[in-house]
Amino acid sequence: MITLHRLGHPTAELFVNDELIVSVEATPDTVITLSGGDKVVVAESPEAVCAKVRECRIEILSGAILRRDAENAAAAERERGPFTRPSLKALDPPPLAPVA
């Protein structure tokens, strides 16, 4: 969601789901048309609205990439197993023989 301000209410924040925005136009005020047909007049310029949408989507995508990388690293660690440490192989204790 992006934070905007209704025209004439500079201190009241308006949270808009950026995925529902169909169009942003300057007529001369900035009018945002949502997918449901609702229109919202905001104080920000169309360029500022587009920049906020872009920043929001970048944040979502970068978070998804970081999460994917962390999951891939965890999966690779699980595949290696608990005792497979190439750099510490010489320090691993020898396997224990069963006690009779």
PDB file of N, CA and C in Angstrom:
ATOM      1  N   MET A   1       0.842  -1.169   0.000  1.00  0.00           N
ATOM      2  CA  MET A   1       0.000   0.000   0.000  1.00  0.00           C
ATOM      3  C   MET A   1       0.890   1.234   0.000  1.00  0.00           C
ATOM      4  N   ILE A   2       0.372   2.264  -0.612  1.00  0.00           N
ATOM      5  CA  ILE A   2       1.114   3.523  -0.651  1.00  0.00           C
ATOM      6  C   ILE A   2       0.356   4.556   0.168  1.00  0.00           C
ATOM      7  N   THR A   3       1.081   5.521   0.698  1.00  0.00           N
ATOM      8  CA  THR A   3       0.490   6.574   1.513  1.00  0.00           C
ATOM      9  C   THR A   3       0.380   7.846   0.687  1.00  0.00           C
ATOM     10  N   LEU A   4      -0.834   8.356   0.587  1.00  0.00           N
ATOM     11  CA  LEU A   4      -1.104   9.600  -0.132  1.00  0.00           C
ATOM     12  C   LEU A   4      -1.894  10.521   0.770  1.00  0.00           C
ATOM     13  N   HIS A   5      -2.253  11.697   0.256  1.00  0.00           N
ATOM     14  CA  HIS A   5      -3.048  12.668   1.017  1.00  0.00           C
ATOM     15  C   HIS A   5      -4.186  13.177   0.134  1.00  0.00           C
ATOM     16  N   ARG A   6      -5.386  13.185   0.671  1.00  0.00           N
ATOM     17  CA  ARG A   6      -6.526  13.727  -0.076  1.00  0.00           C
ATOM     18  C   ARG A   6      -6.297  15.215  -0.320  1.00  0.00           C
ATOM     19  N   LEU A   7      -6.795  15.684  -1.432  1.00  0.00           N
ATOM     20  CA  LEU A   7      -6.669  17.098  -1.761  1.00  0.00           C
ATOM     21  C   LEU A   7      -7.421  17.914  -0.710  1.00  0.00           C
ATOM     22  N   GLY A   8      -6.758  18.895  -0.129  1.00  0.00           N
ATOM     23  CA  GLY A   8      -7.369  19.739   0.898  1.00  0.00           C
ATOM     24  C   GLY A   8      -7.197  19.210   2.311  1.00  0.00           C
ATOM     25  N   HIS A   9      -6.623  18.041   2.477  1.00  0.00           N
ATOM     26  CA  HIS A   9      -6.378  17.454   3.793  1.00  0.00           C
ATOM     27  C   HIS A   9      -4.915  17.025   3.888  1.00  0.00           C
ATOM     28  N   PRO A  10      -4.006  17.983   4.004  1.00  0.00           N
ATOM     29  CA  PRO A  10      -2.571  17.651   3.936  1.00  0.00           C
ATOM     30  C   PRO A  10      -2.065  16.793   5.089  1.00  0.00           C
ATOM     31  N   THR A  11      -2.777  16.750   6.210  1.00  0.00           N
ATOM     32  CA  THR A  11      -2.290  15.963   7.343  1.00  0.00           C
ATOM     33  C   THR A  11      -2.959  14.598   7.440  1.00  0.00           C
ATOM     34  N   ALA A  12      -4.097  14.410   6.778  1.00  0.00           N
ATOM     35  CA  ALA A  12      -4.806  13.124   6.839  1.00  0.00           C
ATOM     36  C   ALA A  12      -4.230  12.173   5.794  1.00  0.00           C
ATOM     37  N   GLU A  13      -3.688  11.068   6.255  1.00  0.00           N
ATOM     38  CA  GLU A  13      -3.085  10.102   5.352  1.00  0.00           C
ATOM     39  C   GLU A  13      -4.165   9.213   4.737  1.00  0.00           C
ATOM     40  N   LEU A  14      -3.947   8.846   3.485  1.00  0.00           N
ATOM     41  CA  LEU A  14      -4.841   7.966   2.755  1.00  0.00           C
ATOM     42  C   LEU A  14      -3.994   6.804   2.248  1.00  0.00           C
ATOM     43  N   PHE A  15      -4.364   5.578   2.605  1.00  0.00           N
ATOM     44  CA  PHE A  15      -3.615   4.405   2.189  1.00  0.00           C
ATOM     45  C   PHE A  15      -4.344   3.765   1.013  1.00  0.00           C
ATOM     46  N   VAL A  16      -3.621   3.597  -0.097  1.00  0.00           N
ATOM     47  CA  VAL A  16      -4.204   3.065  -1.324  1.00  0.00           C
ATOM     48  C   VAL A  16      -3.449   1.800  -1.717  1.00  0.00           C
ATOM     49  N   ASN A  17      -4.217   0.767  -2.057  1.00  0.00           N
ATOM     50  CA  ASN A  17      -3.607  -0.469  -2.560  1.00  0.00           C
ATOM     51  C   ASN A  17      -3.123  -0.195  -3.976  1.00  0.00           C
ATOM     52  N   ASP A  18      -1.818  -0.227  -4.170  1.00  0.00           N
ATOM     53  CA  ASP A  18      -1.245   0.138  -5.469  1.00  0.00           C
ATOM     54  C   ASP A  18      -1.643  -0.824  -6.580  1.00  0.00           C
ATOM     55  N   GLU A  19      -2.037  -2.046  -6.229  1.00  0.00           N
ATOM     56  CA  GLU A  19      -2.428  -3.013  -7.251  1.00  0.00           C
ATOM     57  C   GLU A  19      -3.824  -2.725  -7.811  1.00  0.00           C
ATOM     58  N   LEU A  20      -4.595  -1.870  -7.137  1.00  0.00           N
ATOM     59  CA  LEU A  20      -5.942  -1.551  -7.607  1.00  0.00           C
ATOM     60  C   LEU A  20      -5.984  -0.297  -8.467  1.00  0.00           C
ATOM     61  N   ILE A  21      -4.844   0.368  -8.642  1.00  0.00           N
ATOM     62  CA  ILE A  21      -4.809   1.602  -9.435  1.00  0.00           C
ATOM     63  C   ILE A  21      -4.862   1.249 -10.918  1.00  0.00           C
ATOM     64  N   VAL A  22      -5.844   1.841 -11.601  1.00  0.00           N
ATOM     65  CA  VAL A  22      -5.992   1.637 -13.041  1.00  0.00           C
ATOM     66  C   VAL A  22      -5.318   2.776 -13.797  1.00  0.00           C
ATOM     67  N   SER A  23      -5.550   4.010 -13.342  1.00  0.00           N
ATOM     68  CA  SER A  23      -4.942   5.155 -14.018  1.00  0.00           C
ATOM     69  C   SER A  23      -4.730   6.299 -13.042  1.00  0.00           C
ATOM     70  N   VAL A  24      -3.771   7.148 -13.393  1.00  0.00           N
ATOM     71  CA  VAL A  24      -3.475   8.364 -12.641  1.00  0.00           C
ATOM     72  C   VAL A  24      -3.420   9.488 -13.662  1.00  0.00           C
ATOM     73  N   GLU A  25      -4.257  10.497 -13.469  1.00  0.00           N
ATOM     74  CA  GLU A  25      -4.288  11.590 -14.444  1.00  0.00           C
ATOM     75  C   GLU A  25      -4.312  12.942 -13.739  1.00  0.00           C
ATOM     76  N   ALA A  26      -3.799  13.940 -14.437  1.00  0.00           N
ATOM     77  CA  ALA A  26      -3.784  15.312 -13.928  1.00  0.00           C
ATOM     78  C   ALA A  26      -4.815  16.108 -14.701  1.00  0.00           C
ATOM     79  N   THR A  27      -5.863  16.576 -14.000  1.00  0.00           N
ATOM     80  CA  THR A  27      -6.960  17.256 -14.706  1.00  0.00           C
ATOM     81  C   THR A  27      -7.467  18.514 -13.995  1.00  0.00           C
ATOM     82  N   PRO A  28      -6.857  19.506 -13.576  1.00  0.00           N
ATOM     83  CA  PRO A  28      -5.453  19.701 -13.222  1.00  0.00           C
ATOM     84  C   PRO A  28      -5.079  19.036 -11.910  1.00  0.00           C
ATOM     85  N   ASP A  29      -6.080  18.649 -11.095  1.00  0.00           N
ATOM     86  CA  ASP A  29      -5.745  17.913  -9.869  1.00  0.00           C
ATOM     87  C   ASP A  29      -5.458  16.460 -10.227  1.00  0.00           C
ATOM     88  N   THR A  30      -4.731  15.784  -9.360  1.00  0.00           N
ATOM     89  CA  THR A  30      -4.393  14.387  -9.615  1.00  0.00           C
ATOM     90  C   THR A  30      -5.576  13.501  -9.232  1.00  0.00           C
ATOM     91  N   VAL A  31      -6.087  12.765 -10.217  1.00  0.00           N
ATOM     92  CA  VAL A  31      -7.217  11.868 -10.009  1.00  0.00           C
ATOM     93  C   VAL A  31      -6.736  10.436 -10.228  1.00  0.00           C
ATOM     94  N   ILE A  32      -6.949   9.591  -9.207  1.00  0.00           N
ATOM     95  CA  ILE A  32      -6.587   8.181  -9.293  1.00  0.00           C
ATOM     96  C   ILE A  32      -7.869   7.391  -9.499  1.00  0.00           C
ATOM     97  N   THR A  33      -7.896   6.578 -10.548  1.00  0.00           N
ATOM     98  CA  THR A  33      -9.040   5.710 -10.805  1.00  0.00           C
ATOM     99  C   THR A  33      -8.665   4.308 -10.360  1.00  0.00           C
ATOM    100  N   LEU A  34      -9.529   3.721  -9.518  1.00  0.00           N
ATOM    101  CA  LEU A  34      -9.285   2.379  -9.013  1.00  0.00           C
ATOM    102  C   LEU A  34     -10.048   1.351  -9.837  1.00  0.00           C
ATOM    103  N   SER A  35      -9.681   0.096  -9.722  1.00  0.00           N
ATOM    104  CA  SER A  35     -10.280  -0.952 -10.550  1.00  0.00           C
ATOM    105  C   SER A  35     -11.774  -1.112 -10.312  1.00  0.00           C
ATOM    106  N   GLY A  36     -12.266  -0.729  -9.161  1.00  0.00           N
ATOM    107  CA  GLY A  36     -13.699  -0.812  -8.860  1.00  0.00           C
ATOM    108  C   GLY A  36     -14.488   0.351  -9.428  1.00  0.00           C
ATOM    109  N   GLY A  37     -13.807   1.306 -10.059  1.00  0.00           N
ATOM    110  CA  GLY A  37     -14.464   2.467 -10.630  1.00  0.00           C
ATOM    111  C   GLY A  37     -14.421   3.698  -9.743  1.00  0.00           C
ATOM    112  N   ASP A  38     -13.990   3.540  -8.498  1.00  0.00           N
ATOM    113  CA  ASP A  38     -13.889   4.685  -7.589  1.00  0.00           C
ATOM    114  C   ASP A  38     -12.777   5.609  -8.052  1.00  0.00           C
ATOM    115  N   LYS A  39     -12.975   6.910  -7.802  1.00  0.00           N
ATOM    116  CA  LYS A  39     -11.958   7.917  -8.130  1.00  0.00           C
ATOM    117  C   LYS A  39     -11.587   8.651  -6.864  1.00  0.00           C
ATOM    118  N   VAL A  40     -10.295   8.905  -6.717  1.00  0.00           N
ATOM    119  CA  VAL A  40      -9.783   9.593  -5.545  1.00  0.00           C
ATOM    120  C   VAL A  40      -8.942  10.760  -6.026  1.00  0.00           C
ATOM    121  N   VAL A  41      -9.189  11.949  -5.467  1.00  0.00           N
ATOM    122  CA  VAL A  41      -8.408  13.136  -5.799  1.00  0.00           C
ATOM    123  C   VAL A  41      -7.374  13.320  -4.695  1.00  0.00           C
ATOM    124  N   VAL A  42      -6.106  13.371  -5.096  1.00  0.00           N
ATOM    125  CA  VAL A  42      -5.027  13.450  -4.106  1.00  0.00           C
ATOM    126  C   VAL A  42      -4.173  14.691  -4.338  1.00  0.00           C
ATOM    127  N   ALA A  43      -3.424  15.056  -3.308  1.00  0.00           N
ATOM    128  CA  ALA A  43      -2.585  16.255  -3.366  1.00  0.00           C
ATOM    129  C   ALA A  43      -1.282  16.014  -4.125  1.00  0.00           C
ATOM    130  N   GLU A  44      -0.821  14.761  -4.197  1.00  0.00           N
ATOM    131  CA  GLU A  44       0.447  14.461  -4.850  1.00  0.00           C
ATOM    132  C   GLU A  44       0.315  14.570  -6.364  1.00  0.00           C
ATOM    133  N   SER A  45       1.424  14.839  -7.026  1.00  0.00           N
ATOM    134  CA  SER A  45       1.430  14.907  -8.489  1.00  0.00           C
ATOM    135  C   SER A  45       1.362  13.485  -9.059  1.00  0.00           C
ATOM    136  N   PRO A  46       0.955  13.334 -10.321  1.00  0.00           N
ATOM    137  CA  PRO A  46       0.952  11.995 -10.924  1.00  0.00           C
ATOM    138  C   PRO A  46       2.337  11.342 -10.898  1.00  0.00           C
ATOM    139  N   GLU A  47       3.374  12.147 -11.092  1.00  0.00           N
ATOM    140  CA  GLU A  47       4.730  11.607 -11.056  1.00  0.00           C
ATOM    141  C   GLU A  47       5.072  11.062  -9.668  1.00  0.00           C
ATOM    142  N   ALA A  48       4.638  11.780  -8.622  1.00  0.00           N
ATOM    143  CA  ALA A  48       4.899  11.336  -7.247  1.00  0.00           C
ATOM    144  C   ALA A  48       4.136  10.048  -6.945  1.00  0.00           C
ATOM    145  N   VAL A  49       2.900   9.946  -7.435  1.00  0.00           N
ATOM    146  CA  VAL A  49       2.117   8.721  -7.228  1.00  0.00           C
ATOM    147  C   VAL A  49       2.808   7.547  -7.924  1.00  0.00           C
ATOM    148  N   CYS A  50       3.239   7.748  -9.157  1.00  0.00           N
ATOM    149  CA  CYS A  50       3.934   6.684  -9.896  1.00  0.00           C
ATOM    150  C   CYS A  50       5.222   6.283  -9.192  1.00  0.00           C
ATOM    151  N   ALA A  51       5.948   7.244  -8.657  1.00  0.00           N
ATOM    152  CA  ALA A  51       7.193   6.943  -7.940  1.00  0.00           C
ATOM    153  C   ALA A  51       6.903   6.115  -6.688  1.00  0.00           C
ATOM    154  N   LYS A  52       5.824   6.435  -5.978  1.00  0.00           N
ATOM    155  CA  LYS A  52       5.469   5.676  -4.779  1.00  0.00           C
ATOM    156  C   LYS A  52       5.061   4.249  -5.130  1.00  0.00           C
ATOM    157  N   VAL A  53       4.325   4.095  -6.230  1.00  0.00           N
ATOM    158  CA  VAL A  53       3.944   2.754  -6.682  1.00  0.00           C
ATOM    159  C   VAL A  53       5.194   1.956  -7.042  1.00  0.00           C
ATOM    160  N   ARG A  54       6.111   2.581  -7.749  1.00  0.00           N
ATOM    161  CA  ARG A  54       7.358   1.915  -8.141  1.00  0.00           C
ATOM    162  C   ARG A  54       8.157   1.493  -6.909  1.00  0.00           C
ATOM    163  N   GLU A  55       8.289   2.375  -5.920  1.00  0.00           N
ATOM    164  CA  GLU A  55       9.030   2.065  -4.700  1.00  0.00           C
ATOM    165  C   GLU A  55       8.381   0.904  -3.947  1.00  0.00           C
ATOM    166  N   CYS A  56       7.060   0.910  -3.893  1.00  0.00           N
ATOM    167  CA  CYS A  56       6.330  -0.163  -3.203  1.00  0.00           C
ATOM    168  C   CYS A  56       6.587  -1.497  -3.883  1.00  0.00           C
ATOM    169  N   ARG A  57       6.519  -1.526  -5.189  1.00  0.00           N
ATOM    170  CA  ARG A  57       6.727  -2.781  -5.926  1.00  0.00           C
ATOM    171  C   ARG A  57       8.173  -3.251  -5.842  1.00  0.00           C
ATOM    172  N   ILE A  58       9.112  -2.320  -5.846  1.00  0.00           N
ATOM    173  CA  ILE A  58      10.522  -2.681  -5.674  1.00  0.00           C
ATOM    174  C   ILE A  58      10.734  -3.313  -4.301  1.00  0.00           C
ATOM    175  N   GLU A  59      10.117  -2.734  -3.276  1.00  0.00           N
ATOM    176  CA  GLU A  59      10.242  -3.267  -1.923  1.00  0.00           C
ATOM    177  C   GLU A  59       9.671  -4.683  -1.836  1.00  0.00           C
ATOM    178  N   ILE A  60       8.523  -4.906  -2.470  1.00  0.00           N
ATOM    179  CA  ILE A  60       7.908  -6.236  -2.450  1.00  0.00           C
ATOM    180  C   ILE A  60       8.785  -7.239  -3.178  1.00  0.00           C
ATOM    181  N   LEU A  61       9.270  -6.886  -4.359  1.00  0.00           N
ATOM    182  CA  LEU A  61      10.090  -7.810  -5.136  1.00  0.00           C
ATOM    183  C   LEU A  61      11.434  -8.092  -4.476  1.00  0.00           C
ATOM    184  N   SER A  62      12.061  -7.059  -3.914  1.00  0.00           N
ATOM    185  CA  SER A  62      13.357  -7.288  -3.270  1.00  0.00           C
ATOM    186  C   SER A  62      13.186  -8.154  -2.026  1.00  0.00           C
ATOM    187  N   GLY A  63      12.086  -7.977  -1.296  1.00  0.00           N
ATOM    188  CA  GLY A  63      11.814  -8.845  -0.151  1.00  0.00           C
ATOM    189  C   GLY A  63      11.605 -10.286  -0.576  1.00  0.00           C
ATOM    190  N   ALA A  64      10.902 -10.479  -1.691  1.00  0.00           N
ATOM    191  CA  ALA A  64      10.679 -11.832  -2.199  1.00  0.00           C
ATOM    192  C   ALA A  64      11.993 -12.475  -2.634  1.00  0.00           C
ATOM    193  N   ILE A  65      12.865 -11.713  -3.268  1.00  0.00           N
ATOM    194  CA  ILE A  65      14.153 -12.249  -3.707  1.00  0.00           C
ATOM    195  C   ILE A  65      15.015 -12.613  -2.501  1.00  0.00           C
ATOM    196  N   LEU A  66      15.038 -11.756  -1.483  1.00  0.00           N
ATOM    197  CA  LEU A  66      15.817 -12.063  -0.285  1.00  0.00           C
ATOM    198  C   LEU A  66      15.289 -13.312   0.406  1.00  0.00           C
ATOM    199  N   ARG A  67      13.974 -13.441   0.460  1.00  0.00           N
ATOM    200  CA  ARG A  67      13.377 -14.615   1.097  1.00  0.00           C
ATOM    201  C   ARG A  67      13.705 -15.880   0.309  1.00  0.00           C
ATOM    202  N   ARG A  68      13.614 -15.798  -1.026  1.00  0.00           N
ATOM    203  CA  ARG A  68      13.946 -16.953  -1.860  1.00  0.00           C
ATOM    204  C   ARG A  68      15.400 -17.361  -1.665  1.00  0.00           C
ATOM    205  N   ASP A  69      16.300 -16.389  -1.630  1.00  0.00           N
ATOM    206  CA  ASP A  69      17.716 -16.688  -1.440  1.00  0.00           C
ATOM    207  C   ASP A  69      17.963 -17.348  -0.086  1.00  0.00           C
ATOM    208  N   ALA A  70      17.280 -16.878   0.956  1.00  0.00           N
ATOM    209  CA  ALA A  70      17.432 -17.469   2.287  1.00  0.00           C
ATOM    210  C   ALA A  70      16.897 -18.899   2.302  1.00  0.00           C
ATOM    211  N   GLU A  71      15.754 -19.125   1.639  1.00  0.00           N
ATOM    212  CA  GLU A  71      15.199 -20.478   1.573  1.00  0.00           C
ATOM    213  C   GLU A  71      16.113 -21.406   0.782  1.00  0.00           C
ATOM    214  N   ASN A  72      16.693 -20.915  -0.316  1.00  0.00           N
ATOM    215  CA  ASN A  72      17.623 -21.735  -1.098  1.00  0.00           C
ATOM    216  C   ASN A  72      18.871 -22.073  -0.296  1.00  0.00           C
ATOM    217  N   ALA A  73      19.370 -21.115   0.472  1.00  0.00           N
ATOM    218  CA  ALA A  73      20.555 -21.365   1.302  1.00  0.00           C
ATOM    219  C   ALA A  73      20.237 -22.388   2.386  1.00  0.00           C
ATOM    220  N   ALA A  74      19.057 -22.291   2.983  1.00  0.00           N
ATOM    221  CA  ALA A  74      18.661 -23.253   4.010  1.00  0.00           C
ATOM    222  C   ALA A  74      18.496 -24.641   3.412  1.00  0.00           C
ATOM    223  N   ALA A  75      17.922 -24.732   2.219  1.00  0.00           N
ATOM    224  CA  ALA A  75      17.753 -26.031   1.552  1.00  0.00           C
ATOM    225  C   ALA A  75      19.109 -26.636   1.215  1.00  0.00           C
ATOM    226  N   ALA A  76      20.036 -25.820   0.757  1.00  0.00           N
ATOM    227  CA  ALA A  76      21.380 -26.323   0.439  1.00  0.00           C
ATOM    228  C   ALA A  76      22.074 -26.817   1.700  1.00  0.00           C
ATOM    229  N   GLU A  77      21.872 -26.130   2.799  1.00  0.00           N
ATOM    230  CA  GLU A  77      22.467 -26.539   4.079  1.00  0.00           C
ATOM    231  C   GLU A  77      21.884 -27.872   4.534  1.00  0.00           C
ATOM    232  N   ARG A  78      20.557 -28.049   4.353  1.00  0.00           N
ATOM    233  CA  ARG A  78      19.926 -29.318   4.728  1.00  0.00           C
ATOM    234  C   ARG A  78      20.427 -30.467   3.854  1.00  0.00           C
ATOM    235  N   GLU A  79      20.659 -30.206   2.574  1.00  0.00           N
ATOM    236  CA  GLU A  79      21.137 -31.245   1.667  1.00  0.00           C
ATOM    237  C   GLU A  79      22.542 -31.702   2.022  1.00  0.00           C
ATOM    238  N   ARG A  80      23.342 -30.790   2.529  1.00  0.00           N
ATOM    239  CA  ARG A  80      24.714 -31.141   2.896  1.00  0.00           C
ATOM    240  C   ARG A  80      24.747 -32.058   4.104  1.00  0.00           C
ATOM    241  N   GLY A  81      23.775 -31.964   4.953  1.00  0.00           N
ATOM    242  CA  GLY A  81      23.726 -32.817   6.136  1.00  0.00           C
ATOM    243  C   GLY A  81      24.437 -32.177   7.304  1.00  0.00           C
ATOM    244  N   PRO A  82      24.211 -32.703   8.499  1.00  0.00           N
ATOM    245  CA  PRO A  82      24.768 -32.061   9.699  1.00  0.00           C
ATOM    246  C   PRO A  82      26.273 -32.231   9.855  1.00  0.00           C
ATOM    247  N   PHE A  83      26.874 -33.287   9.259  1.00  0.00           N
ATOM    248  CA  PHE A  83      28.297 -33.534   9.490  1.00  0.00           C
ATOM    249  C   PHE A  83      29.162 -33.239   8.276  1.00  0.00           C
ATOM    250  N   THR A  84      28.600 -32.705   7.230  1.00  0.00           N
ATOM    251  CA  THR A  84      29.388 -32.413   6.041  1.00  0.00           C
ATOM    252  C   THR A  84      29.841 -30.967   6.093  1.00  0.00           C
ATOM    253  N   ARG A  85      31.042 -30.772   6.556  1.00  0.00           N
ATOM    254  CA  ARG A  85      31.630 -29.446   6.609  1.00  0.00           C
ATOM    255  C   ARG A  85      32.980 -29.532   5.931  1.00  0.00           C
ATOM    256  N   PRO A  86      33.053 -29.209   4.635  1.00  0.00           N
ATOM    257  CA  PRO A  86      34.312 -29.382   3.903  1.00  0.00           C
ATOM    258  C   PRO A  86      35.489 -28.665   4.556  1.00  0.00           C
ATOM    259  N   SER A  87      35.280 -27.498   5.103  1.00  0.00           N
ATOM    260  CA  SER A  87      36.407 -26.754   5.656  1.00  0.00           C
ATOM    261  C   SER A  87      36.867 -27.314   7.000  1.00  0.00           C
ATOM    262  N   LEU A  88      36.017 -28.078   7.700  1.00  0.00           N
ATOM    263  CA  LEU A  88      36.370 -28.615   9.008  1.00  0.00           C
ATOM    264  C   LEU A  88      36.460 -30.139   8.990  1.00  0.00           C
ATOM    265  N   LYS A  89      36.602 -30.749   7.845  1.00  0.00           N
ATOM    266  CA  LYS A  89      36.585 -32.203   7.704  1.00  0.00           C
ATOM    267  C   LYS A  89      37.656 -32.856   8.591  1.00  0.00           C
ATOM    268  N   ALA A  90      38.829 -32.289   8.664  1.00  0.00           N
ATOM    269  CA  ALA A  90      39.903 -32.883   9.457  1.00  0.00           C
ATOM    270  C   ALA A  90      39.599 -32.832  10.942  1.00  0.00           C
ATOM    271  N   LEU A  91      38.740 -31.951  11.383  1.00  0.00           N
ATOM    272  CA  LEU A  91      38.437 -31.820  12.806  1.00  0.00           C
ATOM    273  C   LEU A  91      37.242 -32.676  13.232  1.00  0.00           C
ATOM    274  N   ASP A  92      36.546 -33.305  12.294  1.00  0.00           N
ATOM    275  CA  ASP A  92      35.396 -34.124  12.655  1.00  0.00           C
ATOM    276  C   ASP A  92      35.871 -35.353  13.439  1.00  0.00           C
ATOM    277  N   PRO A  93      35.150 -35.744  14.473  1.00  0.00           N
ATOM    278  CA  PRO A  93      35.556 -36.921  15.242  1.00  0.00           C
ATOM    279  C   PRO A  93      35.308 -38.197  14.417  1.00  0.00           C
ATOM    280  N   PRO A  94      36.088 -39.230  14.675  1.00  0.00           N
ATOM    281  CA  PRO A  94      35.877 -40.486  13.941  1.00  0.00           C
ATOM    282  C   PRO A  94      34.554 -41.116  14.380  1.00  0.00           C
ATOM    283  N   PRO A  95      33.942 -41.941  13.523  1.00  0.00           N
ATOM    284  CA  PRO A  95      32.699 -42.588  13.922  1.00  0.00           C
ATOM    285  C   PRO A  95      32.934 -43.545  15.088  1.00  0.00           C
ATOM    286  N   LEU A  96      31.954 -43.637  15.964  1.00  0.00           N
ATOM    287  CA  LEU A  96      32.067 -44.493  17.143  1.00  0.00           C
ATOM    288  C   LEU A  96      31.652 -45.912  16.796  1.00  0.00           C
ATOM    289  N   ALA A  97      32.359 -46.882  17.369  1.00  0.00           N
ATOM    290  CA  ALA A  97      32.002 -48.289  17.173  1.00  0.00           C
ATOM    291  C   ALA A  97      30.928 -48.678  18.191  1.00  0.00           C
ATOM    292  N   PRO A  98      30.018 -49.577  17.821  1.00  0.00           N
ATOM    293  CA  PRO A  98      28.993 -49.999  18.782  1.00  0.00           C
ATOM    294  C   PRO A  98      29.607 -50.694  19.985  1.00  0.00           C
ATOM    295  N   VAL A  99      29.019 -50.510  21.146  1.00  0.00           N
ATOM    296  CA  VAL A  99      29.498 -51.105  22.383  1.00  0.00           C
ATOM    297  C   VAL A  99      28.793 -52.456  22.551  1.00  0.00           C
ATOM    298  N   ALA A 100      29.572 -53.519  22.863  1.00  0.00           N
ATOM    299  CA  ALA A 100      28.994 -54.857  23.010  1.00  0.00           C
ATOM    300  C   ALA A 100      28.516 -55.123  24.387  1.00  0.00           C
TER     301      ALA A 100
END
